[in-house]
Amino acid sequence: MNNAHPVQSAIDQKIADALEPAHLEVINESHMHNVPPGSESHFKLVIVTDAFEGKRLIARHQMVNAALKAEMQGPVHALSMETLTPAEWLARGGRTMTSPACRGGAKNDPIFGA
């Protein structure tokens, strides 16, 4: 495990073990949010695996959430997922979606903000 990035390393290992992906990207997007430098709280996952074959999006996300149960109950605040089969990944040309900029959560929401 990478001591400099323990949460990211744990996510990488758990997804690799649970889903045996053909392609896996674990991207720490914490720097895009209002968190202290070096945080590991916001991640984007790009997972390409045969395990998603025939599964609907909700089932794919449930598989990922089950593998990362401890992280989701602890250090991970937000998790974005692109869950693809190898055929879907190929059809997309091996490209990922761009993550949107952080809107700041409730502090910028007129219902919750000041």
Protein backbone atom coordinates (compact mmCIF):
# COMPACT_ATOMS: atom_id res chain seq x y z
CA MET A 1 0.00 0.00 0.00
CA ASN A 2 1.20 3.49 -0.85
CA ASN A 3 1.81 5.22 2.50
CA ALA A 4 1.60 8.66 0.88
CA HIS A 5 -1.92 7.92 -0.42
CA PRO A 6 -3.40 5.18 1.80
CA VAL A 7 -7.06 5.71 0.91
CA GLN A 8 -6.39 5.79 -2.84
CA SER A 9 -4.22 2.68 -2.54
CA ALA A 10 -6.90 0.84 -0.55
CA ILE A 11 -9.54 1.71 -3.15
CA ASP A 12 -7.26 0.55 -5.96
CA GLN A 13 -6.53 -2.77 -4.23
CA LYS A 14 -10.11 -3.51 -3.19
CA ILE A 15 -11.54 -2.82 -6.66
CA ALA A 16 -8.79 -4.87 -8.30
CA ASP A 17 -9.50 -7.80 -5.97
CA ALA A 18 -13.30 -7.63 -6.20
CA LEU A 19 -13.80 -6.90 -9.90
CA GLU A 20 -10.60 -7.93 -11.71
CA PRO A 21 -10.78 -4.92 -14.04
CA ALA A 22 -9.20 -4.80 -17.48
CA HIS A 23 -8.76 -1.07 -16.86
CA LEU A 24 -8.89 0.84 -13.59
CA GLU A 25 -8.31 4.48 -12.79
CA VAL A 26 -8.56 5.73 -9.22
CA ILE A 27 -8.40 9.51 -9.42
CA ASN A 28 -8.20 11.65 -6.31
CA GLU A 29 -10.26 14.75 -7.09
CA SER A 30 -10.12 16.16 -3.58
CA HIS A 31 -8.04 19.10 -4.78
CA MET A 32 -11.07 20.26 -6.78
CA HIS A 33 -13.08 20.72 -3.58
CA ASN A 34 -12.97 22.84 -0.45
CA VAL A 35 -10.84 20.44 1.61
CA PRO A 36 -7.36 20.70 3.17
CA PRO A 37 -4.37 20.06 0.89
CA GLY A 38 -3.47 16.38 0.68
CA SER A 39 -7.02 15.20 1.44
CA GLU A 40 -8.31 11.87 0.19
CA SER A 41 -12.04 12.42 0.35
CA HIS A 42 -13.30 12.84 -3.24
CA PHE A 43 -12.56 10.19 -5.87
CA LYS A 44 -13.46 9.35 -9.43
CA LEU A 45 -13.27 5.72 -10.52
CA VAL A 46 -13.12 4.44 -14.07
CA ILE A 47 -13.66 0.70 -13.96
CA VAL A 48 -13.75 -1.53 -17.04
CA THR A 49 -14.52 -5.17 -16.31
CA ASP A 50 -16.32 -8.21 -17.64
CA ALA A 51 -18.01 -8.40 -14.22
CA PHE A 52 -20.38 -5.61 -15.36
CA GLU A 53 -21.57 -7.58 -18.39
CA GLY A 54 -25.39 -7.80 -18.37
CA LYS A 55 -25.67 -5.59 -15.26
CA ARG A 56 -27.64 -2.36 -15.09
CA LEU A 57 -25.93 0.80 -13.86
CA ILE A 58 -27.41 0.54 -10.35
CA ALA A 59 -26.14 -3.04 -9.97
CA ARG A 60 -22.67 -2.00 -11.12
CA HIS A 61 -22.56 0.82 -8.58
CA GLN A 62 -23.80 -1.53 -5.86
CA MET A 63 -20.91 -3.88 -6.65
CA VAL A 64 -18.41 -1.04 -6.29
CA ASN A 65 -20.04 0.29 -3.11
CA ALA A 66 -19.96 -3.19 -1.56
CA ALA A 67 -16.24 -3.49 -2.28
CA LEU A 68 -15.59 -0.06 -0.75
CA LYS A 69 -17.98 -0.25 2.20
CA ALA A 70 -15.36 0.72 4.80
CA GLU A 71 -14.07 3.65 2.76
CA MET A 72 -17.58 4.95 2.11
CA GLN A 73 -18.33 4.88 5.85
CA GLY A 74 -15.11 6.67 6.69
CA PRO A 75 -12.69 8.80 4.74
CA VAL A 76 -14.48 8.98 1.36
CA HIS A 77 -17.02 11.79 1.15
CA ALA A 78 -17.80 11.59 -2.57
CA LEU A 79 -17.34 8.93 -5.21
CA SER A 80 -17.94 9.37 -8.92
CA MET A 81 -18.01 6.21 -11.03
CA GLU A 82 -17.76 5.29 -14.67
CA THR A 83 -18.57 1.58 -14.72
CA LEU A 84 -18.10 0.03 -18.15
CA THR A 85 -17.82 -3.31 -19.87
CA PRO A 86 -14.84 -3.75 -22.18
CA ALA A 87 -17.14 -3.33 -25.23
CA GLU A 88 -18.56 -0.08 -23.82
CA TRP A 89 -15.04 1.19 -23.10
CA LEU A 90 -13.94 0.35 -26.63
CA ALA A 91 -17.01 2.03 -28.13
CA ARG A 92 -16.16 5.15 -26.13
CA GLY A 93 -12.63 5.11 -27.51
CA GLY A 94 -11.08 4.63 -24.08
CA ARG A 95 -12.04 8.15 -22.99
CA THR A 96 -13.40 9.24 -19.63
CA MET A 97 -15.86 12.02 -18.89
CA THR A 98 -14.62 15.31 -17.50
CA SER A 99 -15.60 15.93 -13.90
CA PRO A 100 -17.60 19.08 -13.23
CA ALA A 101 -16.20 21.86 -11.08
CA CYS A 102 -17.16 21.78 -7.42
CA ARG A 103 -20.17 23.96 -6.65
CA GLY A 104 -19.34 24.09 -2.95
CA GLY A 105 -22.20 21.98 -1.67
CA ALA A 106 -24.81 23.40 0.67
CA LYS A 107 -23.00 26.70 1.20
CA ASN A 108 -23.92 27.70 -2.39
CA ASP A 109 -27.42 26.20 -2.36
CA PRO A 110 -30.09 28.92 -1.89
CA ILE A 111 -32.12 26.56 0.31
CA PHE A 112 -29.24 25.82 2.71
CA GLY A 113 -26.80 28.68 2.15
CA ALA A 114 -26.58 31.90 4.08
